[in-house]
């Protein structure tokens, strides 16, 4: 199969890549969720143009999750989204490896709804590692590169945020 690196589908994928990296550069939780929602929308278009309906469904759930997490932190909504992801997995998963992105999505949902700041990003990082595993198993070079860059950017942001929290605690103690 030959890949047209500049097809409309690939160009939208590049936009999704930039939005994904940008989202994890954010130190403000709200901006992180906004950029994640934009990334998910770009992925919906990307996967639709590529003709991959399962990826469209997963990206749509992630978009819904990101938008709802901007509006509420209600546990019951997070649990409904987790249940919907599990239902999609039960319907679509054909192997044990197919559950890696499902687990990543569930972890990400719980992180976005229930956590904040460094803790939220640490849990999201766990989901990123599951995506890296999925992409390695699937042989996705681009997906592995994207998730690896997101992991590195997220680790850098976590480090900066933790350093700032430590500095603020030290200033308050004096």
C-alpha atoms as a PDB file:
ATOM      1  CA  UNK A   1       0.000   0.000   0.000  1.00  0.00           C
ATOM      2  CA  UNK A   2       1.360   3.406  -0.989  1.00  0.00           C
ATOM      3  CA  UNK A   3       0.790   6.338   1.347  1.00  0.00           C
ATOM      4  CA  UNK A   4       0.071   9.762  -0.103  1.00  0.00           C
ATOM      5  CA  UNK A   5       1.826  11.870   2.542  1.00  0.00           C
ATOM      6  CA  UNK A   6      -0.022  15.029   1.452  1.00  0.00           C
ATOM      7  CA  UNK A   7      -3.521  13.683   0.946  1.00  0.00           C
ATOM      8  CA  UNK A   8      -6.342  15.545   2.723  1.00  0.00           C
ATOM      9  CA  UNK A   9      -6.563  12.704   5.271  1.00  0.00           C
ATOM     10  CA  UNK A  10      -2.855  12.878   6.121  1.00  0.00           C
ATOM     11  CA  UNK A  11      -2.881  16.688   6.289  1.00  0.00           C
ATOM     12  CA  UNK A  12      -5.730  16.581   8.827  1.00  0.00           C
ATOM     13  CA  UNK A  13      -3.706  13.947  10.713  1.00  0.00           C
ATOM     14  CA  UNK A  14      -0.788  16.371  10.900  1.00  0.00           C
ATOM     15  CA  UNK A  15      -3.112  18.998  12.362  1.00  0.00           C
ATOM     16  CA  UNK A  16      -4.253  16.436  14.956  1.00  0.00           C
ATOM     17  CA  UNK A  17      -0.607  15.749  15.802  1.00  0.00           C
ATOM     18  CA  UNK A  18       0.113  19.438  16.426  1.00  0.00           C
ATOM     19  CA  UNK A  19      -3.044  19.820  18.517  1.00  0.00           C
ATOM     20  CA  UNK A  20      -2.170  16.712  20.549  1.00  0.00           C
ATOM     21  CA  UNK A  21       1.316  17.943  21.348  1.00  0.00           C
ATOM     22  CA  UNK A  22      -0.001  21.434  22.080  1.00  0.00           C
ATOM     23  CA  UNK A  23      -2.588  20.050  24.495  1.00  0.00           C
ATOM     24  CA  UNK A  24       0.065  18.487  26.712  1.00  0.00           C
ATOM     25  CA  UNK A  25       2.141  21.662  26.694  1.00  0.00           C
ATOM     26  CA  UNK A  26      -0.687  23.359  28.574  1.00  0.00           C
ATOM     27  CA  UNK A  27      -0.325  23.876  32.317  1.00  0.00           C
ATOM     28  CA  UNK A  28      -3.924  25.050  32.625  1.00  0.00           C
ATOM     29  CA  UNK A  29      -6.315  22.076  32.859  1.00  0.00           C
ATOM     30  CA  UNK A  30      -9.088  23.846  30.931  1.00  0.00           C
ATOM     31  CA  UNK A  31      -6.811  24.674  27.996  1.00  0.00           C
ATOM     32  CA  UNK A  32      -5.509  21.090  27.981  1.00  0.00           C
ATOM     33  CA  UNK A  33      -9.092  19.812  27.628  1.00  0.00           C
ATOM     34  CA  UNK A  34      -9.896  22.388  24.927  1.00  0.00           C
ATOM     35  CA  UNK A  35      -6.900  21.386  22.826  1.00  0.00           C
ATOM     36  CA  UNK A  36      -7.682  17.696  23.402  1.00  0.00           C
ATOM     37  CA  UNK A  37     -11.214  18.267  22.113  1.00  0.00           C
ATOM     38  CA  UNK A  38      -9.831  19.980  19.017  1.00  0.00           C
ATOM     39  CA  UNK A  39      -7.378  17.110  18.500  1.00  0.00           C
ATOM     40  CA  UNK A  40     -10.211  14.583  18.774  1.00  0.00           C
ATOM     41  CA  UNK A  41     -12.270  16.458  16.195  1.00  0.00           C
ATOM     42  CA  UNK A  42      -9.303  16.487  13.818  1.00  0.00           C
ATOM     43  CA  UNK A  43      -8.889  12.731  14.375  1.00  0.00           C
ATOM     44  CA  UNK A  44     -12.565  12.125  13.606  1.00  0.00           C
ATOM     45  CA  UNK A  45     -12.098  13.830  10.247  1.00  0.00           C
ATOM     46  CA  UNK A  46      -8.730  12.112   9.686  1.00  0.00           C
ATOM     47  CA  UNK A  47     -10.046   8.598  10.355  1.00  0.00           C
ATOM     48  CA  UNK A  48     -13.267   9.242   8.430  1.00  0.00           C
ATOM     49  CA  UNK A  49     -11.211  10.247   5.389  1.00  0.00           C
ATOM     50  CA  UNK A  50      -9.109   7.102   5.865  1.00  0.00           C
ATOM     51  CA  UNK A  51     -12.290   4.985   6.103  1.00  0.00           C
ATOM     52  CA  UNK A  52     -11.621   3.550   9.587  1.00  0.00           C
ATOM     53  CA  UNK A  53     -14.994   3.557  11.389  1.00  0.00           C
ATOM     54  CA  UNK A  54     -13.737   2.080  14.673  1.00  0.00           C
ATOM     55  CA  UNK A  55     -11.195   4.869  15.016  1.00  0.00           C
ATOM     56  CA  UNK A  56     -13.937   7.403  14.191  1.00  0.00           C
ATOM     57  CA  UNK A  57     -16.085   5.908  16.976  1.00  0.00           C
ATOM     58  CA  UNK A  58     -13.224   5.972  19.483  1.00  0.00           C
ATOM     59  CA  UNK A  59     -12.267   9.538  18.570  1.00  0.00           C
ATOM     60  CA  UNK A  60     -15.898  10.610  18.839  1.00  0.00           C
ATOM     61  CA  UNK A  61     -16.067   9.172  22.376  1.00  0.00           C
ATOM     62  CA  UNK A  62     -12.853  11.010  23.247  1.00  0.00           C
ATOM     63  CA  UNK A  63     -14.262  14.265  21.858  1.00  0.00           C
ATOM     64  CA  UNK A  64     -17.426  13.801  23.904  1.00  0.00           C
ATOM     65  CA  UNK A  65     -15.331  13.045  26.973  1.00  0.00           C
ATOM     66  CA  UNK A  66     -13.162  16.130  26.544  1.00  0.00           C
ATOM     67  CA  UNK A  67     -16.117  18.467  25.987  1.00  0.00           C
ATOM     68  CA  UNK A  68     -18.071  17.066  28.932  1.00  0.00           C
ATOM     69  CA  UNK A  69     -14.989  17.277  31.168  1.00  0.00           C
ATOM     70  CA  UNK A  70     -14.875  21.013  30.380  1.00  0.00           C
ATOM     71  CA  UNK A  71     -18.406  21.385  31.775  1.00  0.00           C
ATOM     72  CA  UNK A  72     -18.529  18.979  34.712  1.00  0.00           C
ATOM     73  CA  UNK A  73     -16.537  16.767  37.010  1.00  0.00           C
ATOM     74  CA  UNK A  74     -19.489  14.490  37.818  1.00  0.00           C
ATOM     75  CA  UNK A  75     -18.428  10.934  38.607  1.00  0.00           C
ATOM     76  CA  UNK A  76     -21.597   9.460  37.094  1.00  0.00           C
ATOM     77  CA  UNK A  77     -20.845  11.052  33.706  1.00  0.00           C
ATOM     78  CA  UNK A  78     -17.299   9.674  33.792  1.00  0.00           C
ATOM     79  CA  UNK A  79     -18.695   6.226  34.590  1.00  0.00           C
ATOM     80  CA  UNK A  80     -21.202   6.429  31.721  1.00  0.00           C
ATOM     81  CA  UNK A  81     -18.378   7.278  29.319  1.00  0.00           C
ATOM     82  CA  UNK A  82     -16.235   4.435  30.694  1.00  0.00           C
ATOM     83  CA  UNK A  83     -19.195   2.062  30.290  1.00  0.00           C
ATOM     84  CA  UNK A  84     -19.729   3.240  26.699  1.00  0.00           C
ATOM     85  CA  UNK A  85     -16.041   2.654  25.955  1.00  0.00           C
ATOM     86  CA  UNK A  86     -16.241  -0.844  27.418  1.00  0.00           C
ATOM     87  CA  UNK A  87     -19.375  -1.541  25.370  1.00  0.00           C
ATOM     88  CA  UNK A  88     -17.590  -0.386  22.204  1.00  0.00           C
ATOM     89  CA  UNK A  89     -14.666  -2.622  23.139  1.00  0.00           C
ATOM     90  CA  UNK A  90     -16.925  -5.630  23.686  1.00  0.00           C
ATOM     91  CA  UNK A  91     -18.467  -4.998  20.281  1.00  0.00           C
ATOM     92  CA  UNK A  92     -15.303  -4.161  18.337  1.00  0.00           C
ATOM     93  CA  UNK A  93     -12.328  -5.823  20.083  1.00  0.00           C
ATOM     94  CA  UNK A  94     -11.045  -8.944  18.356  1.00  0.00           C
ATOM     95  CA  UNK A  95      -7.887  -9.573  20.415  1.00  0.00           C
ATOM     96  CA  UNK A  96      -6.348  -8.899  23.812  1.00  0.00           C
ATOM     97  CA  UNK A  97      -4.202  -6.163  22.283  1.00  0.00           C
ATOM     98  CA  UNK A  98      -7.360  -4.404  21.088  1.00  0.00           C
ATOM     99  CA  UNK A  99      -8.131  -3.660  24.746  1.00  0.00           C
ATOM    100  CA  UNK A 100      -5.022  -1.465  25.171  1.00  0.00           C
ATOM    101  CA  UNK A 101      -6.596   1.655  23.621  1.00  0.00           C
ATOM    102  CA  UNK A 102      -9.836   0.893  25.450  1.00  0.00           C
ATOM    103  CA  UNK A 103      -7.997   0.833  28.773  1.00  0.00           C
ATOM    104  CA  UNK A 104      -6.187   4.034  27.788  1.00  0.00           C
ATOM    105  CA  UNK A 105      -9.500   5.716  27.015  1.00  0.00           C
ATOM    106  CA  UNK A 106     -11.028   4.632  30.314  1.00  0.00           C
ATOM    107  CA  UNK A 107      -7.973   5.819  32.251  1.00  0.00           C
ATOM    108  CA  UNK A 108      -8.033   9.122  30.383  1.00  0.00           C
ATOM    109  CA  UNK A 109     -11.720   9.607  31.114  1.00  0.00           C
ATOM    110  CA  UNK A 110     -11.263   9.048  34.830  1.00  0.00           C
ATOM    111  CA  UNK A 111      -8.239  11.373  34.859  1.00  0.00           C
ATOM    112  CA  UNK A 112     -10.032  14.195  33.050  1.00  0.00           C
ATOM    113  CA  UNK A 113     -13.109  14.020  35.261  1.00  0.00           C
ATOM    114  CA  UNK A 114     -11.671  13.201  38.669  1.00  0.00           C
ATOM    115  CA  UNK A 115      -8.178  14.669  38.831  1.00  0.00           C
ATOM    116  CA  UNK A 116      -6.417  17.982  38.334  1.00  0.00           C
ATOM    117  CA  UNK A 117      -2.962  19.324  37.660  1.00  0.00           C
ATOM    118  CA  UNK A 118       0.045  17.033  37.989  1.00  0.00           C
ATOM    119  CA  UNK A 119      -2.017  14.033  39.127  1.00  0.00           C
ATOM    120  CA  UNK A 120      -4.284  14.264  36.083  1.00  0.00           C
ATOM    121  CA  UNK A 121      -1.297  14.438  33.767  1.00  0.00           C
ATOM    122  CA  UNK A 122       0.444  11.501  35.468  1.00  0.00           C
ATOM    123  CA  UNK A 123      -2.625   9.309  34.972  1.00  0.00           C
ATOM    124  CA  UNK A 124      -2.949  10.529  31.369  1.00  0.00           C
ATOM    125  CA  UNK A 125       0.698   9.536  30.917  1.00  0.00           C
ATOM    126  CA  UNK A 126      -0.199   5.960  31.905  1.00  0.00           C
ATOM    127  CA  UNK A 127      -2.827   5.988  29.155  1.00  0.00           C
ATOM    128  CA  UNK A 128      -0.233   7.321  26.717  1.00  0.00           C
ATOM    129  CA  UNK A 129       2.028   4.359  27.480  1.00  0.00           C
ATOM    130  CA  UNK A 130      -0.881   2.004  26.728  1.00  0.00           C
ATOM    131  CA  UNK A 131      -1.340   3.769  23.379  1.00  0.00           C
ATOM    132  CA  UNK A 132       2.378   3.381  22.670  1.00  0.00           C
ATOM    133  CA  UNK A 133       2.066  -0.352  23.356  1.00  0.00           C
ATOM    134  CA  UNK A 134      -0.977  -0.576  21.110  1.00  0.00           C
ATOM    135  CA  UNK A 135       0.750   1.290  18.295  1.00  0.00           C
ATOM    136  CA  UNK A 136       3.898  -0.838  18.555  1.00  0.00           C
ATOM    137  CA  UNK A 137       1.819  -4.029  18.371  1.00  0.00           C
ATOM    138  CA  UNK A 138      -0.175  -2.617  15.451  1.00  0.00           C
ATOM    139  CA  UNK A 139       2.990  -1.549  13.621  1.00  0.00           C
ATOM    140  CA  UNK A 140       1.862   2.091  13.531  1.00  0.00           C
ATOM    141  CA  UNK A 141       4.992   4.163  13.040  1.00  0.00           C
ATOM    142  CA  UNK A 142       3.135   7.490  12.992  1.00  0.00           C
ATOM    143  CA  UNK A 143       0.973   6.593  15.980  1.00  0.00           C
ATOM    144  CA  UNK A 144       3.991   5.443  17.968  1.00  0.00           C
ATOM    145  CA  UNK A 145       5.843   8.648  17.105  1.00  0.00           C
ATOM    146  CA  UNK A 146       2.845  10.791  18.075  1.00  0.00           C
ATOM    147  CA  UNK A 147       2.295   9.089  21.430  1.00  0.00           C
ATOM    148  CA  UNK A 148       6.031   9.109  22.190  1.00  0.00           C
ATOM    149  CA  UNK A 149       6.214  12.853  21.544  1.00  0.00           C
ATOM    150  CA  UNK A 150       3.085  13.382  23.657  1.00  0.00           C
ATOM    151  CA  UNK A 151       4.660  11.333  26.483  1.00  0.00           C
ATOM    152  CA  UNK A 152       7.845  13.416  26.362  1.00  0.00           C
ATOM    153  CA  UNK A 153       5.956  16.721  26.225  1.00  0.00           C
ATOM    154  CA  UNK A 154       3.633  15.614  29.029  1.00  0.00           C
ATOM    155  CA  UNK A 155       6.585  14.522  31.215  1.00  0.00           C
ATOM    156  CA  UNK A 156       8.211  17.907  30.656  1.00  0.00           C
ATOM    157  CA  UNK A 157       4.997  19.722  31.592  1.00  0.00           C
ATOM    158  CA  UNK A 158       4.565  17.523  34.689  1.00  0.00           C
ATOM    159  CA  UNK A 159       8.119  18.316  35.735  1.00  0.00           C
ATOM    160  CA  UNK A 160       7.592  22.070  35.238  1.00  0.00           C
ATOM    161  CA  UNK A 161       4.290  22.026  37.120  1.00  0.00           C
ATOM    162  CA  UNK A 162       5.736  19.976  39.993  1.00  0.00           C
ATOM    163  CA  UNK A 163       8.704  22.325  40.219  1.00  0.00           C
ATOM    164  CA  UNK A 164       6.358  25.326  40.334  1.00  0.00           C
ATOM    165  CA  UNK A 165       4.200  23.688  43.039  1.00  0.00           C
ATOM    166  CA  UNK A 166       7.326  22.984  45.099  1.00  0.00           C
ATOM    167  CA  UNK A 167       8.486  26.584  44.666  1.00  0.00           C
ATOM    168  CA  UNK A 168       5.065  27.894  45.781  1.00  0.00           C
ATOM    169  CA  UNK A 169       5.012  25.605  48.840  1.00  0.00           C
ATOM    170  CA  UNK A 170       8.501  26.785  49.806  1.00  0.00           C
ATOM    171  CA  UNK A 171       7.466  30.441  49.402  1.00  0.00           C
ATOM    172  CA  UNK A 172       4.364  29.878  51.567  1.00  0.00           C
ATOM    173  CA  UNK A 173       6.426  28.170  54.276  1.00  0.00           C
ATOM    174  CA  UNK A 174       8.689  31.197  54.670  1.00  0.00           C
END
